[in-house]
PDB file of N, CA and C in Angstrom:
ATOM      1  N   UNK A   1     107.259  15.538-126.387  1.00  0.00           N
ATOM      2  CA  UNK A   1     108.137  16.175-125.862  1.00  0.00           C
ATOM      3  C   UNK A   1     108.107  15.418-124.168  1.00  0.00           C
ATOM      4  N   UNK A   2     107.410  14.163-124.469  1.00  0.00           N
ATOM      5  CA  UNK A   2     107.971  13.735-123.667  1.00  0.00           C
ATOM      6  C   UNK A   2     108.899  12.622-123.425  1.00  0.00           C
ATOM      7  N   UNK A   3     109.401  12.600-125.054  1.00  0.00           N
ATOM      8  CA  UNK A   3     110.199  11.513-125.313  1.00  0.00           C
ATOM      9  C   UNK A   3     111.754  11.775-124.653  1.00  0.00           C
ATOM     10  N   UNK A   4     111.775  13.058-125.011  1.00  0.00           N
ATOM     11  CA  UNK A   4     112.868  13.688-124.804  1.00  0.00           C
ATOM     12  C   UNK A   4     113.675  13.476-123.345  1.00  0.00           C
ATOM     13  N   UNK A   5     112.743  12.931-122.220  1.00  0.00           N
ATOM     14  CA  UNK A   5     113.617  12.815-120.654  1.00  0.00           C
ATOM     15  C   UNK A   5     114.032  11.333-120.654  1.00  0.00           C
ATOM     16  N   UNK A   6     113.846  10.815-121.621  1.00  0.00           N
ATOM     17  CA  UNK A   6     114.277   8.999-121.858  1.00  0.00           C
ATOM     18  C   UNK A   6     115.685   8.926-121.637  1.00  0.00           C
ATOM     19  N   UNK A   7     115.910   7.699-121.019  1.00  0.00           N
ATOM     20  CA  UNK A   7     117.520   7.816-120.440  1.00  0.00           C
ATOM     21  C   UNK A   7     117.585   6.545-120.909  1.00  0.00           C
ATOM     22  N   UNK A   8     118.957   6.501-121.985  1.00  0.00           N
ATOM     23  CA  UNK A   8     119.099   5.616-122.240  1.00  0.00           C
ATOM     24  C   UNK A   8     120.278   4.440-121.101  1.00  0.00           C
ATOM     25  N   UNK A   9     121.446   3.539-121.129  1.00  0.00           N
ATOM     26  CA  UNK A   9     122.112   2.756-119.633  1.00  0.00           C
ATOM     27  C   UNK A   9     123.195   4.105-119.162  1.00  0.00           C
ATOM     28  N   UNK A  10     123.402   4.344-120.476  1.00  0.00           N
ATOM     29  CA  UNK A  10     124.700   5.710-119.880  1.00  0.00           C
ATOM     30  C   UNK A  10     124.227   6.717-119.949  1.00  0.00           C
ATOM     31  N   UNK A  11     122.619   7.458-119.232  1.00  0.00           N
ATOM     32  CA  UNK A  11     121.650   8.649-118.966  1.00  0.00           C
ATOM     33  C   UNK A  11     122.409   9.525-120.248  1.00  0.00           C
ATOM     34  N   UNK A  12     121.878   8.867-121.197  1.00  0.00           N
ATOM     35  CA  UNK A  12     121.582  10.022-121.986  1.00  0.00           C
ATOM     36  C   UNK A  12     120.897   9.773-122.999  1.00  0.00           C
ATOM     37  N   UNK A  13     120.016  11.438-123.269  1.00  0.00           N
ATOM     38  CA  UNK A  13     118.706  11.394-123.560  1.00  0.00           C
ATOM     39  C   UNK A  13     119.024  11.543-125.562  1.00  0.00           C
ATOM     40  N   UNK A  14     117.687  11.416-125.599  1.00  0.00           N
ATOM     41  CA  UNK A  14     117.515  11.522-127.270  1.00  0.00           C
ATOM     42  C   UNK A  14     118.335  12.815-127.846  1.00  0.00           C
ATOM     43  N   UNK A  15     117.637  13.708-127.051  1.00  0.00           N
ATOM     44  CA  UNK A  15     118.467  15.009-127.292  1.00  0.00           C
ATOM     45  C   UNK A  15     120.855  15.114-127.357  1.00  0.00           C
ATOM     46  N   UNK A  16     121.238  14.240-126.718  1.00  0.00           N
ATOM     47  CA  UNK A  16     122.018  13.823-126.114  1.00  0.00           C
ATOM     48  C   UNK A  16     123.059  13.087-127.633  1.00  0.00           C
ATOM     49  N   UNK A  17     122.102  11.895-127.693  1.00  0.00           N
ATOM     50  CA  UNK A  17     122.046  11.260-128.907  1.00  0.00           C
ATOM     51  C   UNK A  17     122.429  11.636-129.985  1.00  0.00           C
ATOM     52  N   UNK A  18     121.335  12.344-130.191  1.00  0.00           N
ATOM     53  CA  UNK A  18     121.587  13.441-131.525  1.00  0.00           C
ATOM     54  C   UNK A  18     122.684  14.115-131.979  1.00  0.00           C
ATOM     55  N   UNK A  19     123.104  15.103-130.774  1.00  0.00           N
ATOM     56  CA  UNK A  19     124.977  15.552-130.367  1.00  0.00           C
ATOM     57  C   UNK A  19     125.649  14.706-131.177  1.00  0.00           C
ATOM     58  N   UNK A  20     125.661  13.257-130.207  1.00  0.00           N
ATOM     59  CA  UNK A  20     126.466  12.850-130.825  1.00  0.00           C
ATOM     60  C   UNK A  20     126.684  11.955-131.840  1.00  0.00           C
ATOM     61  N   UNK A  21     125.825  12.435-132.742  1.00  0.00           N
ATOM     62  CA  UNK A  21     125.724  11.150-133.527  1.00  0.00           C
ATOM     63  C   UNK A  21     125.328  12.645-135.333  1.00  0.00           C
ATOM     64  N   UNK A  22     125.836  13.406-134.274  1.00  0.00           N
ATOM     65  CA  UNK A  22     125.887  14.596-135.907  1.00  0.00           C
ATOM     66  C   UNK A  22     124.926  14.736-136.419  1.00  0.00           C
ATOM     67  N   UNK A  23     123.829  14.785-136.006  1.00  0.00           N
ATOM     68  CA  UNK A  23     122.453  14.826-136.044  1.00  0.00           C
ATOM     69  C   UNK A  23     121.663  16.626-135.674  1.00  0.00           C
ATOM     70  N   UNK A  24     122.018  17.479-136.453  1.00  0.00           N
ATOM     71  CA  UNK A  24     121.755  19.085-135.848  1.00  0.00           C
ATOM     72  C   UNK A  24     120.437  19.104-135.653  1.00  0.00           C
ATOM     73  N   UNK A  25     119.534  18.919-137.091  1.00  0.00           N
ATOM     74  CA  UNK A  25     118.015  18.902-137.395  1.00  0.00           C
ATOM     75  C   UNK A  25     117.655  18.537-136.538  1.00  0.00           C
ATOM     76  N   UNK A  26     117.456  16.825-135.933  1.00  0.00           N
ATOM     77  CA  UNK A  26     117.719  16.387-134.960  1.00  0.00           C
ATOM     78  C   UNK A  26     117.379  17.261-133.594  1.00  0.00           C
ATOM     79  N   UNK A  27     118.632  17.344-133.074  1.00  0.00           N
ATOM     80  CA  UNK A  27     118.890  17.963-131.855  1.00  0.00           C
ATOM     81  C   UNK A  27     118.058  19.675-131.696  1.00  0.00           C
ATOM     82  N   UNK A  28     118.081  20.062-133.097  1.00  0.00           N
ATOM     83  CA  UNK A  28     117.415  21.410-132.630  1.00  0.00           C
ATOM     84  C   UNK A  28     115.340  21.560-132.801  1.00  0.00           C
ATOM     85  N   UNK A  29     115.271  20.253-133.109  1.00  0.00           N
ATOM     86  CA  UNK A  29     113.636  19.755-133.005  1.00  0.00           C
ATOM     87  C   UNK A  29     113.556  19.120-131.526  1.00  0.00           C
ATOM     88  N   UNK A  30     114.227  18.546-131.379  1.00  0.00           N
ATOM     89  CA  UNK A  30     114.078  18.246-129.875  1.00  0.00           C
ATOM     90  C   UNK A  30     114.327  19.495-128.738  1.00  0.00           C
ATOM     91  N   UNK A  31     115.327  20.041-128.791  1.00  0.00           N
ATOM     92  CA  UNK A  31     115.666  21.177-128.092  1.00  0.00           C
ATOM     93  C   UNK A  31     113.898  22.336-127.782  1.00  0.00           C
ATOM     94  N   UNK A  32     113.876  22.766-129.499  1.00  0.00           N
ATOM     95  CA  UNK A  32     112.513  23.011-129.237  1.00  0.00           C
ATOM     96  C   UNK A  32     111.595  22.261-128.953  1.00  0.00           C
ATOM     97  N   UNK A  33     111.114  20.976-129.007  1.00  0.00           N
ATOM     98  CA  UNK A  33     110.045  20.345-127.886  1.00  0.00           C
ATOM     99  C   UNK A  33     110.193  20.208-126.776  1.00  0.00           C
ATOM    100  N   UNK A  34     110.980  20.386-126.208  1.00  0.00           N
ATOM    101  CA  UNK A  34     111.176  20.567-125.138  1.00  0.00           C
ATOM    102  C   UNK A  34     112.572  21.032-124.454  1.00  0.00           C
ATOM    103  N   UNK A  35     112.628  22.776-124.211  1.00  0.00           N
ATOM    104  CA  UNK A  35     113.685  23.723-123.751  1.00  0.00           C
ATOM    105  C   UNK A  35     114.101  23.069-122.836  1.00  0.00           C
ATOM    106  N   UNK A  36     113.138  22.357-121.635  1.00  0.00           N
ATOM    107  CA  UNK A  36     113.803  21.807-120.320  1.00  0.00           C
ATOM    108  C   UNK A  36     115.035  20.662-120.538  1.00  0.00           C
ATOM    109  N   UNK A  37     115.173  20.488-121.787  1.00  0.00           N
ATOM    110  CA  UNK A  37     116.229  19.019-121.595  1.00  0.00           C
ATOM    111  C   UNK A  37     117.263  19.162-121.974  1.00  0.00           C
ATOM    112  N   UNK A  38     118.141  21.037-122.000  1.00  0.00           N
ATOM    113  CA  UNK A  38     118.922  21.532-122.325  1.00  0.00           C
ATOM    114  C   UNK A  38     119.428  21.149-120.976  1.00  0.00           C
ATOM    115  N   UNK A  39     118.933  21.186-119.860  1.00  0.00           N
ATOM    116  CA  UNK A  39     119.517  21.155-118.637  1.00  0.00           C
ATOM    117  C   UNK A  39     119.725  19.623-117.863  1.00  0.00           C
ATOM    118  N   UNK A  40     119.284  18.338-118.823  1.00  0.00           N
ATOM    119  CA  UNK A  40     119.511  16.993-118.530  1.00  0.00           C
ATOM    120  C   UNK A  40     120.878  16.761-118.578  1.00  0.00           C
ATOM    121  N   UNK A  41     121.787  16.081-117.858  1.00  0.00           N
ATOM    122  CA  UNK A  41     122.795  15.274-117.815  1.00  0.00           C
ATOM    123  C   UNK A  41     123.267  14.088-117.925  1.00  0.00           C
ATOM    124  N   UNK A  42     124.111  12.886-118.641  1.00  0.00           N
ATOM    125  CA  UNK A  42     123.956  12.278-118.329  1.00  0.00           C
ATOM    126  C   UNK A  42     124.557  11.804-117.382  1.00  0.00           C
ATOM    127  N   UNK A  43     125.482  10.012-117.338  1.00  0.00           N
ATOM    128  CA  UNK A  43     125.744   9.627-115.944  1.00  0.00           C
ATOM    129  C   UNK A  43     126.953  10.114-115.938  1.00  0.00           C
ATOM    130  N   UNK A  44     127.748  11.026-116.759  1.00  0.00           N
ATOM    131  CA  UNK A  44     129.516  11.885-116.308  1.00  0.00           C
ATOM    132  C   UNK A  44     128.938  12.971-116.060  1.00  0.00           C
ATOM    133  N   UNK A  45     127.583  13.388-115.716  1.00  0.00           N
ATOM    134  CA  UNK A  45     127.562  14.762-116.016  1.00  0.00           C
ATOM    135  C   UNK A  45     127.878  15.710-116.811  1.00  0.00           C
ATOM    136  N   UNK A  46     127.975  15.160-118.191  1.00  0.00           N
ATOM    137  CA  UNK A  46     127.647  15.872-119.146  1.00  0.00           C
ATOM    138  C   UNK A  46     126.467  16.458-119.789  1.00  0.00           C
ATOM    139  N   UNK A  47     126.702  17.822-120.338  1.00  0.00           N
ATOM    140  CA  UNK A  47     125.247  17.719-120.526  1.00  0.00           C
ATOM    141  C   UNK A  47     125.424  18.663-121.993  1.00  0.00           C
ATOM    142  N   UNK A  48     123.724  19.316-122.752  1.00  0.00           N
ATOM    143  CA  UNK A  48     123.882  19.374-124.061  1.00  0.00           C
ATOM    144  C   UNK A  48     125.668  20.115-124.211  1.00  0.00           C
ATOM    145  N   UNK A  49     125.638  21.256-123.019  1.00  0.00           N
ATOM    146  CA  UNK A  49     126.876  22.728-123.726  1.00  0.00           C
ATOM    147  C   UNK A  49     128.259  21.739-123.826  1.00  0.00           C
ATOM    148  N   UNK A  50     128.314  20.296-122.467  1.00  0.00           N
ATOM    149  CA  UNK A  50     129.327  19.808-123.132  1.00  0.00           C
ATOM    150  C   UNK A  50     129.489  18.857-124.432  1.00  0.00           C
ATOM    151  N   UNK A  51     128.152  18.071-124.825  1.00  0.00           N
ATOM    152  CA  UNK A  51     128.568  17.196-125.770  1.00  0.00           C
ATOM    153  C   UNK A  51     128.071  18.845-127.412  1.00  0.00           C
ATOM    154  N   UNK A  52     127.922  19.544-127.309  1.00  0.00           N
ATOM    155  CA  UNK A  52     127.997  20.436-128.475  1.00  0.00           C
ATOM    156  C   UNK A  52     129.699  20.749-128.271  1.00  0.00           C
ATOM    157  N   UNK A  53     130.159  20.957-127.619  1.00  0.00           N
ATOM    158  CA  UNK A  53     131.378  21.372-127.827  1.00  0.00           C
ATOM    159  C   UNK A  53     132.221  20.344-128.354  1.00  0.00           C
ATOM    160  N   UNK A  54     132.455  19.541-127.611  1.00  0.00           N
ATOM    161  CA  UNK A  54     132.846  18.327-127.705  1.00  0.00           C
ATOM    162  C   UNK A  54     133.090  17.688-129.107  1.00  0.00           C
ATOM    163  N   UNK A  55     131.362  17.191-129.587  1.00  0.00           N
ATOM    164  CA  UNK A  55     131.129  17.313-131.224  1.00  0.00           C
ATOM    165  C   UNK A  55     131.310  18.397-132.110  1.00  0.00           C
ATOM    166  N   UNK A  56     131.439  19.796-131.525  1.00  0.00           N
ATOM    167  CA  UNK A  56     132.109  20.594-132.500  1.00  0.00           C
ATOM    168  C   UNK A  56     130.751  21.144-132.691  1.00  0.00           C
ATOM    169  N   UNK A  57     129.890  21.521-132.038  1.00  0.00           N
ATOM    170  CA  UNK A  57     128.773  22.132-133.249  1.00  0.00           C
ATOM    171  C   UNK A  57     127.920  23.116-132.382  1.00  0.00           C
ATOM    172  N   UNK A  58     128.107  24.012-133.661  1.00  0.00           N
ATOM    173  CA  UNK A  58     128.283  25.496-132.690  1.00  0.00           C
ATOM    174  C   UNK A  58     126.563  25.877-132.901  1.00  0.00           C
ATOM    175  N   UNK A  59     125.936  25.261-133.818  1.00  0.00           N
ATOM    176  CA  UNK A  59     124.676  25.521-134.243  1.00  0.00           C
ATOM    177  C   UNK A  59     123.703  25.135-133.005  1.00  0.00           C
ATOM    178  N   UNK A  60     124.098  24.292-132.516  1.00  0.00           N
ATOM    179  CA  UNK A  60     123.214  23.238-131.542  1.00  0.00           C
ATOM    180  C   UNK A  60     123.585  24.669-130.310  1.00  0.00           C
ATOM    181  N   UNK A  61     125.004  24.463-130.225  1.00  0.00           N
ATOM    182  CA  UNK A  61     125.667  25.685-128.720  1.00  0.00           C
ATOM    183  C   UNK A  61     124.725  26.788-128.289  1.00  0.00           C
ATOM    184  N   UNK A  62     124.602  27.303-130.110  1.00  0.00           N
ATOM    185  CA  UNK A  62     124.001  28.636-129.851  1.00  0.00           C
ATOM    186  C   UNK A  62     122.767  28.853-129.805  1.00  0.00           C
ATOM    187  N   UNK A  63     121.702  27.470-130.095  1.00  0.00           N
ATOM    188  CA  UNK A  63     120.440  27.327-130.340  1.00  0.00           C
ATOM    189  C   UNK A  63     120.558  27.026-127.927  1.00  0.00           C
ATOM    190  N   UNK A  64     121.128  26.166-127.550  1.00  0.00           N
ATOM    191  CA  UNK A  64     121.045  25.718-126.365  1.00  0.00           C
ATOM    192  C   UNK A  64     121.270  27.270-125.332  1.00  0.00           C
ATOM    193  N   UNK A  65     122.295  28.316-125.716  1.00  0.00           N
ATOM    194  CA  UNK A  65     122.283  29.305-125.239  1.00  0.00           C
ATOM    195  C   UNK A  65     120.755  29.912-124.953  1.00  0.00           C
ATOM    196  N   UNK A  66     121.001  30.564-126.631  1.00  0.00           N
ATOM    197  CA  UNK A  66     119.241  31.145-126.473  1.00  0.00           C
ATOM    198  C   UNK A  66     118.631  30.495-125.649  1.00  0.00           C
ATOM    199  N   UNK A  67     118.169  29.220-125.616  1.00  0.00           N
ATOM    200  CA  UNK A  67     117.584  29.256-124.564  1.00  0.00           C
ATOM    201  C   UNK A  67     117.547  28.923-123.087  1.00  0.00           C
ATOM    202  N   UNK A  68     118.736  28.802-122.638  1.00  0.00           N
ATOM    203  CA  UNK A  68     119.110  28.551-121.183  1.00  0.00           C
ATOM    204  C   UNK A  68     118.800  30.218-120.946  1.00  0.00           C
ATOM    205  N   UNK A  69     119.247  31.097-121.909  1.00  0.00           N
ATOM    206  CA  UNK A  69     118.917  32.683-121.273  1.00  0.00           C
ATOM    207  C   UNK A  69     117.759  33.064-120.887  1.00  0.00           C
ATOM    208  N   UNK A  70     116.640  32.480-122.392  1.00  0.00           N
ATOM    209  CA  UNK A  70     115.078  32.065-122.201  1.00  0.00           C
ATOM    210  C   UNK A  70     114.487  31.629-121.612  1.00  0.00           C
ATOM    211  N   UNK A  71     114.822  31.099-120.759  1.00  0.00           N
ATOM    212  CA  UNK A  71     114.248  29.952-120.003  1.00  0.00           C
ATOM    213  C   UNK A  71     114.413  30.717-118.875  1.00  0.00           C
ATOM    214  N   UNK A  72     115.753  30.973-118.669  1.00  0.00           N
ATOM    215  CA  UNK A  72     116.217  32.227-117.011  1.00  0.00           C
ATOM    216  C   UNK A  72     115.384  33.219-116.858  1.00  0.00           C
ATOM    217  N   UNK A  73     114.934  34.062-117.746  1.00  0.00           N
ATOM    218  CA  UNK A  73     114.809  35.323-117.898  1.00  0.00           C
ATOM    219  C   UNK A  73     112.704  35.363-117.726  1.00  0.00           C
ATOM    220  N   UNK A  74     112.892  33.812-117.534  1.00  0.00           N
ATOM    221  CA  UNK A  74     111.086  33.708-117.174  1.00  0.00           C
ATOM    222  C   UNK A  74     111.131  33.787-115.433  1.00  0.00           C
ATOM    223  N   UNK A  75     109.836  33.589-115.253  1.00  0.00           N
ATOM    224  CA  UNK A  75     109.971  34.011-113.686  1.00  0.00           C
ATOM    225  C   UNK A  75     109.684  31.813-112.789  1.00  0.00           C
ATOM    226  N   UNK A  76     110.081  31.181-113.973  1.00  0.00           N
ATOM    227  CA  UNK A  76     110.091  29.892-113.289  1.00  0.00           C
ATOM    228  C   UNK A  76     111.586  29.291-114.223  1.00  0.00           C
ATOM    229  N   UNK A  77     112.775  29.774-113.179  1.00  0.00           N
ATOM    230  CA  UNK A  77     113.711  30.495-113.076  1.00  0.00           C
ATOM    231  C   UNK A  77     114.474  28.582-112.751  1.00  0.00           C
ATOM    232  N   UNK A  78     115.770  28.589-113.270  1.00  0.00           N
ATOM    233  CA  UNK A  78     116.465  26.792-113.542  1.00  0.00           C
ATOM    234  C   UNK A  78     117.658  26.657-112.999  1.00  0.00           C
ATOM    235  N   UNK A  79     119.000  26.184-112.772  1.00  0.00           N
ATOM    236  CA  UNK A  79     120.057  26.477-112.589  1.00  0.00           C
ATOM    237  C   UNK A  79     120.486  25.031-114.152  1.00  0.00           C
ATOM    238  N   UNK A  80     121.304  25.383-114.726  1.00  0.00           N
ATOM    239  CA  UNK A  80     121.640  24.942-115.763  1.00  0.00           C
ATOM    240  C   UNK A  80     123.174  24.162-114.898  1.00  0.00           C
ATOM    241  N   UNK A  81     123.354  23.155-115.613  1.00  0.00           N
ATOM    242  CA  UNK A  81     124.679  22.263-114.666  1.00  0.00           C
ATOM    243  C   UNK A  81     125.429  22.566-115.505  1.00  0.00           C
TER     244      UNK A  81
END
């Protein structure tokens, strides 16, 4: 799960790169490994939600929404960027 927070020079995480490259199964795997990775944004402040919309990945978008709701319903709340 620690690999999910690595960043390249553009500030992209492995999750964002997986979405950009059309690898839905890898993106789902990364989100499940570290649900909090959905709140990380790249240097342009684009998050998993932006990437999923830009690259027309409804599966990733739906999974990110479910994870966001689940994380927001816990006592350890956070704000999605």
